[in-house]
Amino acid sequence: MDYKELIASKIIEARKTAGLKQDELAKMVGVSVTSANLWENGKQIPKLESLIAIAKITKRPLVWFFSSDSEALNTEEIFILKVFRNLNKNGKNHMLEFVENLQEIAKYKKCNSRAVVNS
């Protein structure tokens, strides 16, 4: 999948998840239905301003439109990142220590792999 197809599929997914029709999204972004159709068919890429508007309207992080599903952050990961960013240095250190300890507890491990965090 090339980058045009990726962005097209993300716009479609975001629009549908937000419960919007193509013409509704186009109107909210301030573009023609033809433009929205070209985006969703991978024929054109929206201007950055339009993509920012789509992200806001659909409540998706802008970076989500550029990352494959395997790279995209899910809702819980975004929440954790927001919490981390709102902590002071001491709080961030405490959170990192907690996460490092948590991954050592077998019942919480997803698999036998261990994340490596460089500080």
PDB file of N, CA and C in Angstrom:
ATOM      1  N   MET A   1       0.856  -1.178   0.000  1.00  0.00           N
ATOM      2  CA  MET A   1       0.000   0.000   0.000  1.00  0.00           C
ATOM      3  C   MET A   1       0.901   1.240   0.000  1.00  0.00           C
ATOM      4  N   ASP A   2       0.697   2.118  -0.982  1.00  0.00           N
ATOM      5  CA  ASP A   2       1.501   3.336  -1.020  1.00  0.00           C
ATOM      6  C   ASP A   2       0.891   4.395  -0.097  1.00  0.00           C
ATOM      7  N   TYR A   3       1.585   5.503   0.050  1.00  0.00           N
ATOM      8  CA  TYR A   3       1.146   6.522   1.011  1.00  0.00           C
ATOM      9  C   TYR A   3      -0.194   7.139   0.636  1.00  0.00           C
ATOM     10  N   LYS A   4      -0.500   7.266  -0.668  1.00  0.00           N
ATOM     11  CA  LYS A   4      -1.806   7.809  -1.076  1.00  0.00           C
ATOM     12  C   LYS A   4      -2.932   6.869  -0.656  1.00  0.00           C
ATOM     13  N   GLU A   5      -2.713   5.578  -0.867  1.00  0.00           N
ATOM     14  CA  GLU A   5      -3.725   4.589  -0.470  1.00  0.00           C
ATOM     15  C   GLU A   5      -3.895   4.550   1.038  1.00  0.00           C
ATOM     16  N   LEU A   6      -2.773   4.673   1.775  1.00  0.00           N
ATOM     17  CA  LEU A   6      -2.826   4.666   3.233  1.00  0.00           C
ATOM     18  C   LEU A   6      -3.656   5.838   3.744  1.00  0.00           C
ATOM     19  N   ILE A   7      -3.352   7.040   3.267  1.00  0.00           N
ATOM     20  CA  ILE A   7      -4.084   8.218   3.720  1.00  0.00           C
ATOM     21  C   ILE A   7      -5.550   8.117   3.312  1.00  0.00           C
ATOM     22  N   ALA A   8      -5.813   7.629   2.102  1.00  0.00           N
ATOM     23  CA  ALA A   8      -7.197   7.459   1.643  1.00  0.00           C
ATOM     24  C   ALA A   8      -7.965   6.529   2.576  1.00  0.00           C
ATOM     25  N   SER A   9      -7.359   5.395   2.915  1.00  0.00           N
ATOM     26  CA  SER A   9      -8.041   4.432   3.790  1.00  0.00           C
ATOM     27  C   SER A   9      -8.255   4.999   5.190  1.00  0.00           C
ATOM     28  N   LYS A  10      -7.315   5.807   5.653  1.00  0.00           N
ATOM     29  CA  LYS A  10      -7.458   6.421   6.976  1.00  0.00           C
ATOM     30  C   LYS A  10      -8.577   7.463   6.984  1.00  0.00           C
ATOM     31  N   ILE A  11      -8.679   8.242   5.914  1.00  0.00           N
ATOM     32  CA  ILE A  11      -9.753   9.236   5.839  1.00  0.00           C
ATOM     33  C   ILE A  11     -11.110   8.534   5.847  1.00  0.00           C
ATOM     34  N   ILE A  12     -11.233   7.473   5.060  1.00  0.00           N
ATOM     35  CA  ILE A  12     -12.492   6.717   5.022  1.00  0.00           C
ATOM     36  C   ILE A  12     -12.826   6.152   6.394  1.00  0.00           C
ATOM     37  N   GLU A  13     -11.850   5.516   7.037  1.00  0.00           N
ATOM     38  CA  GLU A  13     -12.075   4.924   8.357  1.00  0.00           C
ATOM     39  C   GLU A  13     -12.470   5.981   9.385  1.00  0.00           C
ATOM     40  N   ALA A  14     -11.747   7.100   9.390  1.00  0.00           N
ATOM     41  CA  ALA A  14     -12.045   8.167  10.351  1.00  0.00           C
ATOM     42  C   ALA A  14     -13.439   8.735  10.117  1.00  0.00           C
ATOM     43  N   ARG A  15     -13.780   8.964   8.857  1.00  0.00           N
ATOM     44  CA  ARG A  15     -15.094   9.523   8.521  1.00  0.00           C
ATOM     45  C   ARG A  15     -16.211   8.583   8.945  1.00  0.00           C
ATOM     46  N   LYS A  16     -16.069   7.309   8.609  1.00  0.00           N
ATOM     47  CA  LYS A  16     -17.109   6.334   8.946  1.00  0.00           C
ATOM     48  C   LYS A  16     -17.245   6.145  10.450  1.00  0.00           C
ATOM     49  N   THR A  17     -16.121   6.097  11.143  1.00  0.00           N
ATOM     50  CA  THR A  17     -16.148   5.951  12.598  1.00  0.00           C
ATOM     51  C   THR A  17     -16.826   7.148  13.256  1.00  0.00           C
ATOM     52  N   ALA A  18     -16.650   8.318  12.654  1.00  0.00           N
ATOM     53  CA  ALA A  18     -17.287   9.534  13.171  1.00  0.00           C
ATOM     54  C   ALA A  18     -18.760   9.615  12.772  1.00  0.00           C
ATOM     55  N   GLY A  19     -19.222   8.656  11.964  1.00  0.00           N
ATOM     56  CA  GLY A  19     -20.620   8.625  11.555  1.00  0.00           C
ATOM     57  C   GLY A  19     -20.982   9.679  10.528  1.00  0.00           C
ATOM     58  N   LEU A  20     -20.015  10.045   9.696  1.00  0.00           N
ATOM     59  CA  LEU A  20     -20.231  11.094   8.701  1.00  0.00           C
ATOM     60  C   LEU A  20     -20.295  10.519   7.296  1.00  0.00           C
ATOM     61  N   LYS A  21     -21.121  11.134   6.465  1.00  0.00           N
ATOM     62  CA  LYS A  21     -21.133  10.819   5.047  1.00  0.00           C
ATOM     63  C   LYS A  21     -20.058  11.662   4.383  1.00  0.00           C
ATOM     64  N   GLN A  22     -19.656  11.262   3.203  1.00  0.00           N
ATOM     65  CA  GLN A  22     -18.591  11.962   2.497  1.00  0.00           C
ATOM     66  C   GLN A  22     -18.934  13.435   2.273  1.00  0.00           C
ATOM     67  N   ASP A  23     -20.169  13.712   1.883  1.00  0.00           N
ATOM     68  CA  ASP A  23     -20.562  15.099   1.631  1.00  0.00           C
ATOM     69  C   ASP A  23     -20.600  15.925   2.913  1.00  0.00           C
ATOM     70  N   GLU A  24     -20.931  15.286   4.034  1.00  0.00           N
ATOM     71  CA  GLU A  24     -20.945  15.985   5.326  1.00  0.00           C
ATOM     72  C   GLU A  24     -19.525  16.379   5.737  1.00  0.00           C
ATOM     73  N   LEU A  25     -18.599  15.450   5.584  1.00  0.00           N
ATOM     74  CA  LEU A  25     -17.208  15.750   5.924  1.00  0.00           C
ATOM     75  C   LEU A  25     -16.664  16.851   5.029  1.00  0.00           C
ATOM     76  N   ALA A  26     -16.955  16.753   3.727  1.00  0.00           N
ATOM     77  CA  ALA A  26     -16.484  17.775   2.783  1.00  0.00           C
ATOM     78  C   ALA A  26     -16.976  19.161   3.204  1.00  0.00           C
ATOM     79  N   LYS A  27     -18.232  19.257   3.557  1.00  0.00           N
ATOM     80  CA  LYS A  27     -18.807  20.547   3.971  1.00  0.00           C
ATOM     81  C   LYS A  27     -18.120  21.067   5.236  1.00  0.00           C
ATOM     82  N   MET A  28     -17.897  20.178   6.205  1.00  0.00           N
ATOM     83  CA  MET A  28     -17.261  20.581   7.463  1.00  0.00           C
ATOM     84  C   MET A  28     -15.817  21.041   7.246  1.00  0.00           C
ATOM     85  N   VAL A  29     -15.128  20.409   6.301  1.00  0.00           N
ATOM     86  CA  VAL A  29     -13.741  20.770   6.006  1.00  0.00           C
ATOM     87  C   VAL A  29     -13.685  22.035   5.144  1.00  0.00           C
ATOM     88  N   GLY A  30     -14.767  22.284   4.399  1.00  0.00           N
ATOM     89  CA  GLY A  30     -14.816  23.457   3.538  1.00  0.00           C
ATOM     90  C   GLY A  30     -14.291  23.197   2.145  1.00  0.00           C
ATOM     91  N   VAL A  31     -14.495  21.973   1.663  1.00  0.00           N
ATOM     92  CA  VAL A  31     -14.065  21.603   0.318  1.00  0.00           C
ATOM     93  C   VAL A  31     -15.247  21.005  -0.438  1.00  0.00           C
ATOM     94  N   SER A  32     -15.055  20.786  -1.722  1.00  0.00           N
ATOM     95  CA  SER A  32     -16.110  20.186  -2.534  1.00  0.00           C
ATOM     96  C   SER A  32     -16.185  18.680  -2.274  1.00  0.00           C
ATOM     97  N   VAL A  33     -17.338  18.114  -2.588  1.00  0.00           N
ATOM     98  CA  VAL A  33     -17.501  16.667  -2.485  1.00  0.00           C
ATOM     99  C   VAL A  33     -16.545  15.975  -3.458  1.00  0.00           C
ATOM    100  N   THR A  34     -16.291  16.603  -4.585  1.00  0.00           N
ATOM    101  CA  THR A  34     -15.343  16.053  -5.563  1.00  0.00           C
ATOM    102  C   THR A  34     -13.955  15.894  -4.936  1.00  0.00           C
ATOM    103  N   SER A  35     -13.514  16.915  -4.185  1.00  0.00           N
ATOM    104  CA  SER A  35     -12.204  16.823  -3.518  1.00  0.00           C
ATOM    105  C   SER A  35     -12.181  15.667  -2.528  1.00  0.00           C
ATOM    106  N   ALA A  36     -13.217  15.572  -1.703  1.00  0.00           N
ATOM    107  CA  ALA A  36     -13.282  14.496  -0.715  1.00  0.00           C
ATOM    108  C   ALA A  36     -13.276  13.137  -1.412  1.00  0.00           C
ATOM    109  N   ASN A  37     -13.975  13.035  -2.529  1.00  0.00           N
ATOM    110  CA  ASN A  37     -14.015  11.793  -3.282  1.00  0.00           C
ATOM    111  C   ASN A  37     -12.638  11.440  -3.842  1.00  0.00           C
ATOM    112  N   LEU A  38     -11.931  12.433  -4.352  1.00  0.00           N
ATOM    113  CA  LEU A  38     -10.576  12.200  -4.871  1.00  0.00           C
ATOM    114  C   LEU A  38      -9.638  11.736  -3.766  1.00  0.00           C
ATOM    115  N   TRP A  39      -9.790  12.299  -2.561  1.00  0.00           N
ATOM    116  CA  TRP A  39      -8.959  11.882  -1.431  1.00  0.00           C
ATOM    117  C   TRP A  39      -9.229  10.427  -1.091  1.00  0.00           C
ATOM    118  N   GLU A  40     -10.513  10.094  -0.972  1.00  0.00           N
ATOM    119  CA  GLU A  40     -10.884   8.746  -0.551  1.00  0.00           C
ATOM    120  C   GLU A  40     -10.580   7.690  -1.606  1.00  0.00           C
ATOM    121  N   ASN A  41     -10.441   8.097  -2.842  1.00  0.00           N
ATOM    122  CA  ASN A  41     -10.067   7.162  -3.904  1.00  0.00           C
ATOM    123  C   ASN A  41      -8.559   7.129  -4.138  1.00  0.00           C
ATOM    124  N   GLY A  42      -7.809   7.874  -3.341  1.00  0.00           N
ATOM    125  CA  GLY A  42      -6.352   7.870  -3.454  1.00  0.00           C
ATOM    126  C   GLY A  42      -5.830   8.582  -4.690  1.00  0.00           C
ATOM    127  N   LYS A  43      -6.661   9.429  -5.295  1.00  0.00           N
ATOM    128  CA  LYS A  43      -6.256  10.168  -6.499  1.00  0.00           C
ATOM    129  C   LYS A  43      -5.541  11.467  -6.145  1.00  0.00           C
ATOM    130  N   GLN A  44      -5.871  12.026  -4.989  1.00  0.00           N
ATOM    131  CA  GLN A  44      -5.225  13.243  -4.498  1.00  0.00           C
ATOM    132  C   GLN A  44      -5.009  13.107  -2.995  1.00  0.00           C
ATOM    133  N   ILE A  45      -4.054  13.858  -2.504  1.00  0.00           N
ATOM    134  CA  ILE A  45      -3.826  13.934  -1.057  1.00  0.00           C
ATOM    135  C   ILE A  45      -4.317  15.304  -0.606  1.00  0.00           C
ATOM    136  N   PRO A  46      -5.049  15.367   0.497  1.00  0.00           N
ATOM    137  CA  PRO A  46      -5.523  16.672   0.947  1.00  0.00           C
ATOM    138  C   PRO A  46      -4.372  17.581   1.369  1.00  0.00           C
ATOM    139  N   LYS A  47      -4.593  18.880   1.237  1.00  0.00           N
ATOM    140  CA  LYS A  47      -3.624  19.835   1.763  1.00  0.00           C
ATOM    141  C   LYS A  47      -3.543  19.625   3.271  1.00  0.00           C
ATOM    142  N   LEU A  48      -2.425  20.020   3.849  1.00  0.00           N
ATOM    143  CA  LEU A  48      -2.224  19.824   5.283  1.00  0.00           C
ATOM    144  C   LEU A  48      -3.347  20.456   6.101  1.00  0.00           C
ATOM    145  N   GLU A  49      -3.787  21.653   5.713  1.00  0.00           N
ATOM    146  CA  GLU A  49      -4.859  22.330   6.448  1.00  0.00           C
ATOM    147  C   GLU A  49      -6.133  21.488   6.446  1.00  0.00           C
ATOM    148  N   SER A  50      -6.428  20.853   5.314  1.00  0.00           N
ATOM    149  CA  SER A  50      -7.622  20.009   5.228  1.00  0.00           C
ATOM    150  C   SER A  50      -7.465  18.755   6.072  1.00  0.00           C
ATOM    151  N   LEU A  51      -6.280  18.164   6.061  1.00  0.00           N
ATOM    152  CA  LEU A  51      -6.048  16.968   6.860  1.00  0.00           C
ATOM    153  C   LEU A  51      -6.109  17.283   8.351  1.00  0.00           C
ATOM    154  N   ILE A  52      -5.612  18.448   8.744  1.00  0.00           N
ATOM    155  CA  ILE A  52      -5.723  18.874  10.146  1.00  0.00           C
ATOM    156  C   ILE A  52      -7.190  19.023  10.526  1.00  0.00           C
ATOM    157  N   ALA A  53      -7.980  19.607   9.625  1.00  0.00           N
ATOM    158  CA  ALA A  53      -9.416  19.766   9.880  1.00  0.00           C
ATOM    159  C   ALA A  53     -10.093  18.401  10.009  1.00  0.00           C
ATOM    160  N   ILE A  54      -9.748  17.468   9.136  1.00  0.00           N
ATOM    161  CA  ILE A  54     -10.325  16.122   9.204  1.00  0.00           C
ATOM    162  C   ILE A  54      -9.967  15.464  10.532  1.00  0.00           C
ATOM    163  N   ALA A  55      -8.719  15.616  10.948  1.00  0.00           N
ATOM    164  CA  ALA A  55      -8.271  15.037  12.226  1.00  0.00           C
ATOM    165  C   ALA A  55      -9.079  15.611  13.384  1.00  0.00           C
ATOM    166  N   LYS A  56      -9.279  16.922  13.400  1.00  0.00           N
ATOM    167  CA  LYS A  56     -10.049  17.549  14.477  1.00  0.00           C
ATOM    168  C   LYS A  56     -11.503  17.100  14.455  1.00  0.00           C
ATOM    169  N   ILE A  57     -12.097  17.094  13.272  1.00  0.00           N
ATOM    170  CA  ILE A  57     -13.503  16.716  13.131  1.00  0.00           C
ATOM    171  C   ILE A  57     -13.731  15.271  13.569  1.00  0.00           C
ATOM    172  N   THR A  58     -12.822  14.394  13.200  1.00  0.00           N
ATOM    173  CA  THR A  58     -12.979  12.966  13.499  1.00  0.00           C
ATOM    174  C   THR A  58     -12.316  12.555  14.813  1.00  0.00           C
ATOM    175  N   LYS A  59     -11.715  13.534  15.497  1.00  0.00           N
ATOM    176  CA  LYS A  59     -11.066  13.296  16.797  1.00  0.00           C
ATOM    177  C   LYS A  59      -9.964  12.227  16.702  1.00  0.00           C
ATOM    178  N   ARG A  60      -9.137  12.373  15.673  1.00  0.00           N
ATOM    179  CA  ARG A  60      -7.990  11.490  15.474  1.00  0.00           C
ATOM    180  C   ARG A  60      -6.718  12.315  15.547  1.00  0.00           C
ATOM    181  N   PRO A  61      -5.640  11.762  16.109  1.00  0.00           N
ATOM    182  CA  PRO A  61      -4.368  12.480  16.065  1.00  0.00           C
ATOM    183  C   PRO A  61      -3.882  12.556  14.620  1.00  0.00           C
ATOM    184  N   LEU A  62      -3.313  13.669  14.243  1.00  0.00           N
ATOM    185  CA  LEU A  62      -2.857  13.867  12.869  1.00  0.00           C
ATOM    186  C   LEU A  62      -1.906  12.759  12.428  1.00  0.00           C
ATOM    187  N   VAL A  63      -1.028  12.341  13.296  1.00  0.00           N
ATOM    188  CA  VAL A  63      -0.038  11.309  12.959  1.00  0.00           C
ATOM    189  C   VAL A  63      -0.716   9.990  12.586  1.00  0.00           C
ATOM    190  N   TRP A  64      -1.908   9.749  13.086  1.00  0.00           N
ATOM    191  CA  TRP A  64      -2.636   8.510  12.798  1.00  0.00           C
ATOM    192  C   TRP A  64      -2.858   8.328  11.297  1.00  0.00           C
ATOM    193  N   PHE A  65      -3.051   9.431  10.579  1.00  0.00           N
ATOM    194  CA  PHE A  65      -3.309   9.360   9.138  1.00  0.00           C
ATOM    195  C   PHE A  65      -2.079   8.920   8.343  1.00  0.00           C
ATOM    196  N   PHE A  66      -0.916   8.968   8.957  1.00  0.00           N
ATOM    197  CA  PHE A  66       0.329   8.644   8.269  1.00  0.00           C
ATOM    198  C   PHE A  66       0.939   7.327   8.716  1.00  0.00           C
ATOM    199  N   SER A  67       0.298   6.631   9.630  1.00  0.00           N
ATOM    200  CA  SER A  67       0.900   5.406  10.149  1.00  0.00           C
ATOM    201  C   SER A  67       0.018   4.202   9.852  1.00  0.00           C
ATOM    202  N   SER A  68       0.681   3.100   9.552  1.00  0.00           N
ATOM    203  CA  SER A  68      -0.052   1.864   9.288  1.00  0.00           C
ATOM    204  C   SER A  68      -0.678   1.382  10.587  1.00  0.00           C
ATOM    205  N   ASP A  69      -1.628   0.472  10.485  1.00  0.00           N
ATOM    206  CA  ASP A  69      -2.324  -0.011  11.676  1.00  0.00           C
ATOM    207  C   ASP A  69      -1.370  -0.596  12.705  1.00  0.00           C
ATOM    208  N   SER A  70      -0.301  -1.217  12.251  1.00  0.00           N
ATOM    209  CA  SER A  70       0.648  -1.811  13.193  1.00  0.00           C
ATOM    210  C   SER A  70       1.441  -0.742  13.946  1.00  0.00           C
ATOM    211  N   GLU A  71       1.510   0.477  13.391  1.00  0.00           N
ATOM    212  CA  GLU A  71       2.260   1.558  14.028  1.00  0.00           C
ATOM    213  C   GLU A  71       1.362   2.525  14.793  1.00  0.00           C
ATOM    214  N   ALA A  72       0.078   2.535  14.476  1.00  0.00           N
ATOM    215  CA  ALA A  72      -0.828   3.519  15.047  1.00  0.00           C
ATOM    216  C   ALA A  72      -1.044   3.266  16.534  1.00  0.00           C
ATOM    217  N   LEU A  73      -1.146   4.335  17.283  1.00  0.00           N
ATOM    218  CA  LEU A  73      -1.429   4.231  18.704  1.00  0.00           C
ATOM    219  C   LEU A  73      -2.918   4.002  18.906  1.00  0.00           C
ATOM    220  N   ASN A  74      -3.259   3.135  19.847  1.00  0.00           N
ATOM    221  CA  ASN A  74      -4.665   2.960  20.164  1.00  0.00           C
ATOM    222  C   ASN A  74      -5.059   3.961  21.251  1.00  0.00           C
ATOM    223  N   THR A  75      -6.312   3.966  21.609  1.00  0.00           N
ATOM    224  CA  THR A  75      -6.846   4.955  22.556  1.00  0.00           C
ATOM    225  C   THR A  75      -6.122   4.908  23.900  1.00  0.00           C
ATOM    226  N   GLU A  76      -5.866   3.713  24.400  1.00  0.00           N
ATOM    227  CA  GLU A  76      -5.194   3.575  25.694  1.00  0.00           C
ATOM    228  C   GLU A  76      -3.767   4.107  25.639  1.00  0.00           C
ATOM    229  N   GLU A  77      -3.065   3.834  24.540  1.00  0.00           N
ATOM    230  CA  GLU A  77      -1.687   4.311  24.390  1.00  0.00           C
ATOM    231  C   GLU A  77      -1.637   5.833  24.303  1.00  0.00           C
ATOM    232  N   ILE A  78      -2.596   6.413  23.613  1.00  0.00           N
ATOM    233  CA  ILE A  78      -2.675   7.877  23.531  1.00  0.00           C
ATOM    234  C   ILE A  78      -2.933   8.461  24.912  1.00  0.00           C
ATOM    235  N   PHE A  79      -3.824   7.829  25.681  1.00  0.00           N
ATOM    236  CA  PHE A  79      -4.112   8.288  27.042  1.00  0.00           C
ATOM    237  C   PHE A  79      -2.851   8.255  27.906  1.00  0.00           C
ATOM    238  N   ILE A  80      -2.119   7.147  27.851  1.00  0.00           N
ATOM    239  CA  ILE A  80      -0.899   7.013  28.651  1.00  0.00           C
ATOM    240  C   ILE A  80       0.119   8.083  28.261  1.00  0.00           C
ATOM    241  N   LEU A  81       0.261   8.328  26.976  1.00  0.00           N
ATOM    242  CA  LEU A  81       1.185   9.351  26.504  1.00  0.00           C
ATOM    243  C   LEU A  81       0.778  10.736  27.013  1.00  0.00           C
ATOM    244  N   LYS A  82      -0.518  11.044  26.975  1.00  0.00           N
ATOM    245  CA  LYS A  82      -0.996  12.341  27.462  1.00  0.00           C
ATOM    246  C   LYS A  82      -0.731  12.492  28.963  1.00  0.00           C
ATOM    247  N   VAL A  83      -0.990  11.430  29.714  1.00  0.00           N
ATOM    248  CA  VAL A  83      -0.724  11.467  31.154  1.00  0.00           C
ATOM    249  C   VAL A  83       0.756  11.708  31.397  1.00  0.00           C
ATOM    250  N   PHE A  84       1.609  10.954  30.707  1.00  0.00           N
ATOM    251  CA  PHE A  84       3.051  11.086  30.870  1.00  0.00           C
ATOM    252  C   PHE A  84       3.511  12.509  30.582  1.00  0.00           C
ATOM    253  N   ARG A  85       3.009  13.096  29.506  1.00  0.00           N
ATOM    254  CA  ARG A  85       3.415  14.448  29.121  1.00  0.00           C
ATOM    255  C   ARG A  85       2.972  15.507  30.127  1.00  0.00           C
ATOM    256  N   ASN A  86       1.950  15.209  30.920  1.00  0.00           N
ATOM    257  CA  ASN A  86       1.455  16.173  31.899  1.00  0.00           C
ATOM    258  C   ASN A  86       2.108  16.025  33.271  1.00  0.00           C
ATOM    259  N   LEU A  87       3.024  15.090  33.406  1.00  0.00           N
ATOM    260  CA  LEU A  87       3.718  14.897  34.679  1.00  0.00           C
ATOM    261  C   LEU A  87       4.990  15.733  34.730  1.00  0.00           C
ATOM    262  N   ASN A  88       5.378  16.085  35.963  1.00  0.00           N
ATOM    263  CA  ASN A  88       6.674  16.751  36.107  1.00  0.00           C
ATOM    264  C   ASN A  88       7.770  15.688  36.027  1.00  0.00           C
ATOM    265  N   LYS A  89       9.034  16.117  36.124  1.00  0.00           N
ATOM    266  CA  LYS A  89      10.153  15.191  35.953  1.00  0.00           C
ATOM    267  C   LYS A  89      10.103  14.052  36.964  1.00  0.00           C
ATOM    268  N   ASN A  90       9.781  14.355  38.205  1.00  0.00           N
ATOM    269  CA  ASN A  90       9.703  13.333  39.239  1.00  0.00           C
ATOM    270  C   ASN A  90       8.578  12.342  38.932  1.00  0.00           C
ATOM    271  N   GLY A  91       7.437  12.851  38.509  1.00  0.00           N
ATOM    272  CA  GLY A  91       6.320  11.992  38.153  1.00  0.00           C
ATOM    273  C   GLY A  91       6.646  11.088  36.970  1.00  0.00           C
ATOM    274  N   LYS A  92       7.333  11.652  35.957  1.00  0.00           N
ATOM    275  CA  LYS A  92       7.731  10.853  34.797  1.00  0.00           C
ATOM    276  C   LYS A  92       8.680   9.738  35.209  1.00  0.00           C
ATOM    277  N   ASN A  93       9.643  10.051  36.069  1.00  0.00           N
ATOM    278  CA  ASN A  93      10.585   9.024  36.541  1.00  0.00           C
ATOM    279  C   ASN A  93       9.851   7.922  37.295  1.00  0.00           C
ATOM    280  N   HIS A  94       8.883   8.313  38.134  1.00  0.00           N
ATOM    281  CA  HIS A  94       8.107   7.335  38.902  1.00  0.00           C
ATOM    282  C   HIS A  94       7.292   6.443  37.957  1.00  0.00           C
ATOM    283  N   MET A  95       6.677   7.046  36.947  1.00  0.00           N
ATOM    284  CA  MET A  95       5.874   6.273  35.992  1.00  0.00           C
ATOM    285  C   MET A  95       6.753   5.290  35.224  1.00  0.00           C
ATOM    286  N   LEU A  96       7.926   5.727  34.771  1.00  0.00           N
ATOM    287  CA  LEU A  96       8.842   4.839  34.059  1.00  0.00           C
ATOM    288  C   LEU A  96       9.296   3.683  34.943  1.00  0.00           C
ATOM    289  N   GLU A  97       9.580   3.976  36.198  1.00  0.00           N
ATOM    290  CA  GLU A  97       9.994   2.930  37.136  1.00  0.00           C
ATOM    291  C   GLU A  97       8.866   1.918  37.328  1.00  0.00           C
ATOM    292  N   PHE A  98       7.638   2.418  37.473  1.00  0.00           N
ATOM    293  CA  PHE A  98       6.480   1.540  37.634  1.00  0.00           C
ATOM    294  C   PHE A  98       6.315   0.625  36.423  1.00  0.00           C
ATOM    295  N   VAL A  99       6.434   1.197  35.224  1.00  0.00           N
ATOM    296  CA  VAL A  99       6.268   0.413  33.993  1.00  0.00           C
ATOM    297  C   VAL A  99       7.369  -0.635  33.880  1.00  0.00           C
ATOM    298  N   GLU A 100       8.596  -0.260  34.203  1.00  0.00           N
ATOM    299  CA  GLU A 100       9.701  -1.229  34.162  1.00  0.00           C
ATOM    300  C   GLU A 100       9.439  -2.389  35.117  1.00  0.00           C
ATOM    301  N   ASN A 101       8.952  -2.093  36.311  1.00  0.00           N
ATOM    302  CA  ASN A 101       8.642  -3.140  37.283  1.00  0.00           C
ATOM    303  C   ASN A 101       7.448  -3.983  36.836  1.00  0.00           C
ATOM    304  N   LEU A 102       6.455  -3.350  36.257  1.00  0.00           N
ATOM    305  CA  LEU A 102       5.246  -4.039  35.812  1.00  0.00           C
ATOM    306  C   LEU A 102       5.552  -5.090  34.751  1.00  0.00           C
ATOM    307  N   GLN A 103       6.460  -4.789  33.852  1.00  0.00           N
ATOM    308  CA  GLN A 103       6.770  -5.743  32.786  1.00  0.00           C
ATOM    309  C   GLN A 103       7.543  -6.958  33.286  1.00  0.00           C
ATOM    310  N   GLU A 104       8.026  -6.909  34.514  1.00  0.00           N
ATOM    311  CA  GLU A 104       8.734  -8.057  35.095  1.00  0.00           C
ATOM    312  C   GLU A 104       7.778  -9.059  35.737  1.00  0.00           C
ATOM    313  N   ILE A 105       6.515  -8.680  35.906  1.00  0.00           N
ATOM    314  CA  ILE A 105       5.530  -9.550  36.541  1.00  0.00           C
ATOM    315  C   ILE A 105       4.906 -10.431  35.466  1.00  0.00           C
ATOM    316  N   ALA A 106       5.116 -11.723  35.576  1.00  0.00           N
ATOM    317  CA  ALA A 106       4.734 -12.673  34.530  1.00  0.00           C
ATOM    318  C   ALA A 106       3.257 -12.583  34.143  1.00  0.00           C
ATOM    319  N   LYS A 107       2.373 -12.420  35.123  1.00  0.00           N
ATOM    320  CA  LYS A 107       0.939 -12.441  34.798  1.00  0.00           C
ATOM    321  C   LYS A 107       0.495 -11.238  33.965  1.00  0.00           C
ATOM    322  N   TYR A 108       1.333 -10.199  33.865  1.00  0.00           N
ATOM    323  CA  TYR A 108       0.994  -9.024  33.071  1.00  0.00           C
ATOM    324  C   TYR A 108       1.646  -9.036  31.688  1.00  0.00           C
ATOM    325  N   LYS A 109       2.510  -9.990  31.456  1.00  0.00           N
ATOM    326  CA  LYS A 109       3.219 -10.042  30.180  1.00  0.00           C
ATOM    327  C   LYS A 109       2.301 -10.552  29.079  1.00  0.00           C
ATOM    328  N   LYS A 110       2.378  -9.908  27.930  1.00  0.00           N
ATOM    329  CA  LYS A 110       1.625 -10.342  26.762  1.00  0.00           C
ATOM    330  C   LYS A 110       2.292 -11.561  26.143  1.00  0.00           C
ATOM    331  N   CYS A 111       3.622 -11.539  26.137  1.00  0.00           N
ATOM    332  CA  CYS A 111       4.394 -12.655  25.599  1.00  0.00           C
ATOM    333  C   CYS A 111       5.718 -12.689  26.348  1.00  0.00           C
ATOM    334  N   ASN A 112       6.624 -13.475  25.896  1.00  0.00           N
ATOM    335  CA  ASN A 112       7.909 -13.596  26.577  1.00  0.00           C
ATOM    336  C   ASN A 112       8.889 -12.485  26.250  1.00  0.00           C
ATOM    337  N   SER A 113       8.492 -11.572  25.365  1.00  0.00           N
ATOM    338  CA  SER A 113       9.402 -10.487  25.008  1.00  0.00           C
ATOM    339  C   SER A 113       9.381  -9.410  26.078  1.00  0.00           C
ATOM    340  N   ARG A 114      10.436  -8.613  26.090  1.00  0.00           N
ATOM    341  CA  ARG A 114      10.553  -7.547  27.065  1.00  0.00           C
ATOM    342  C   ARG A 114      10.928  -6.264  26.314  1.00  0.00           C
ATOM    343  N   ALA A 115      10.219  -5.210  26.613  1.00  0.00           N
ATOM    344  CA  ALA A 115      10.523  -3.934  25.985  1.00  0.00           C
ATOM    345  C   ALA A 115      11.837  -3.405  26.538  1.00  0.00           C
ATOM    346  N   VAL A 116      12.591  -2.800  25.696  1.00  0.00           N
ATOM    347  CA  VAL A 116      13.859  -2.200  26.117  1.00  0.00           C
ATOM    348  C   VAL A 116      13.704  -0.701  25.985  1.00  0.00           C
ATOM    349  N   VAL A 117      13.873  -0.009  27.097  1.00  0.00           N
ATOM    350  CA  VAL A 117      13.747   1.451  27.100  1.00  0.00           C
ATOM    351  C   VAL A 117      15.107   2.045  27.407  1.00  0.00           C
ATOM    352  N   ASN A 118      15.597   2.850  26.509  1.00  0.00           N
ATOM    353  CA  ASN A 118      16.867   3.531  26.740  1.00  0.00           C
ATOM    354  C   ASN A 118      16.592   4.881  27.352  1.00  0.00           C
ATOM    355  N   SER A 119      17.321   5.203  28.390  1.00  0.00           N
ATOM    356  CA  SER A 119      17.118   6.518  29.010  1.00  0.00           C
ATOM    357  C   SER A 119      18.294   7.405  28.785  1.00  0.00           C
TER     358      SER A 119
END
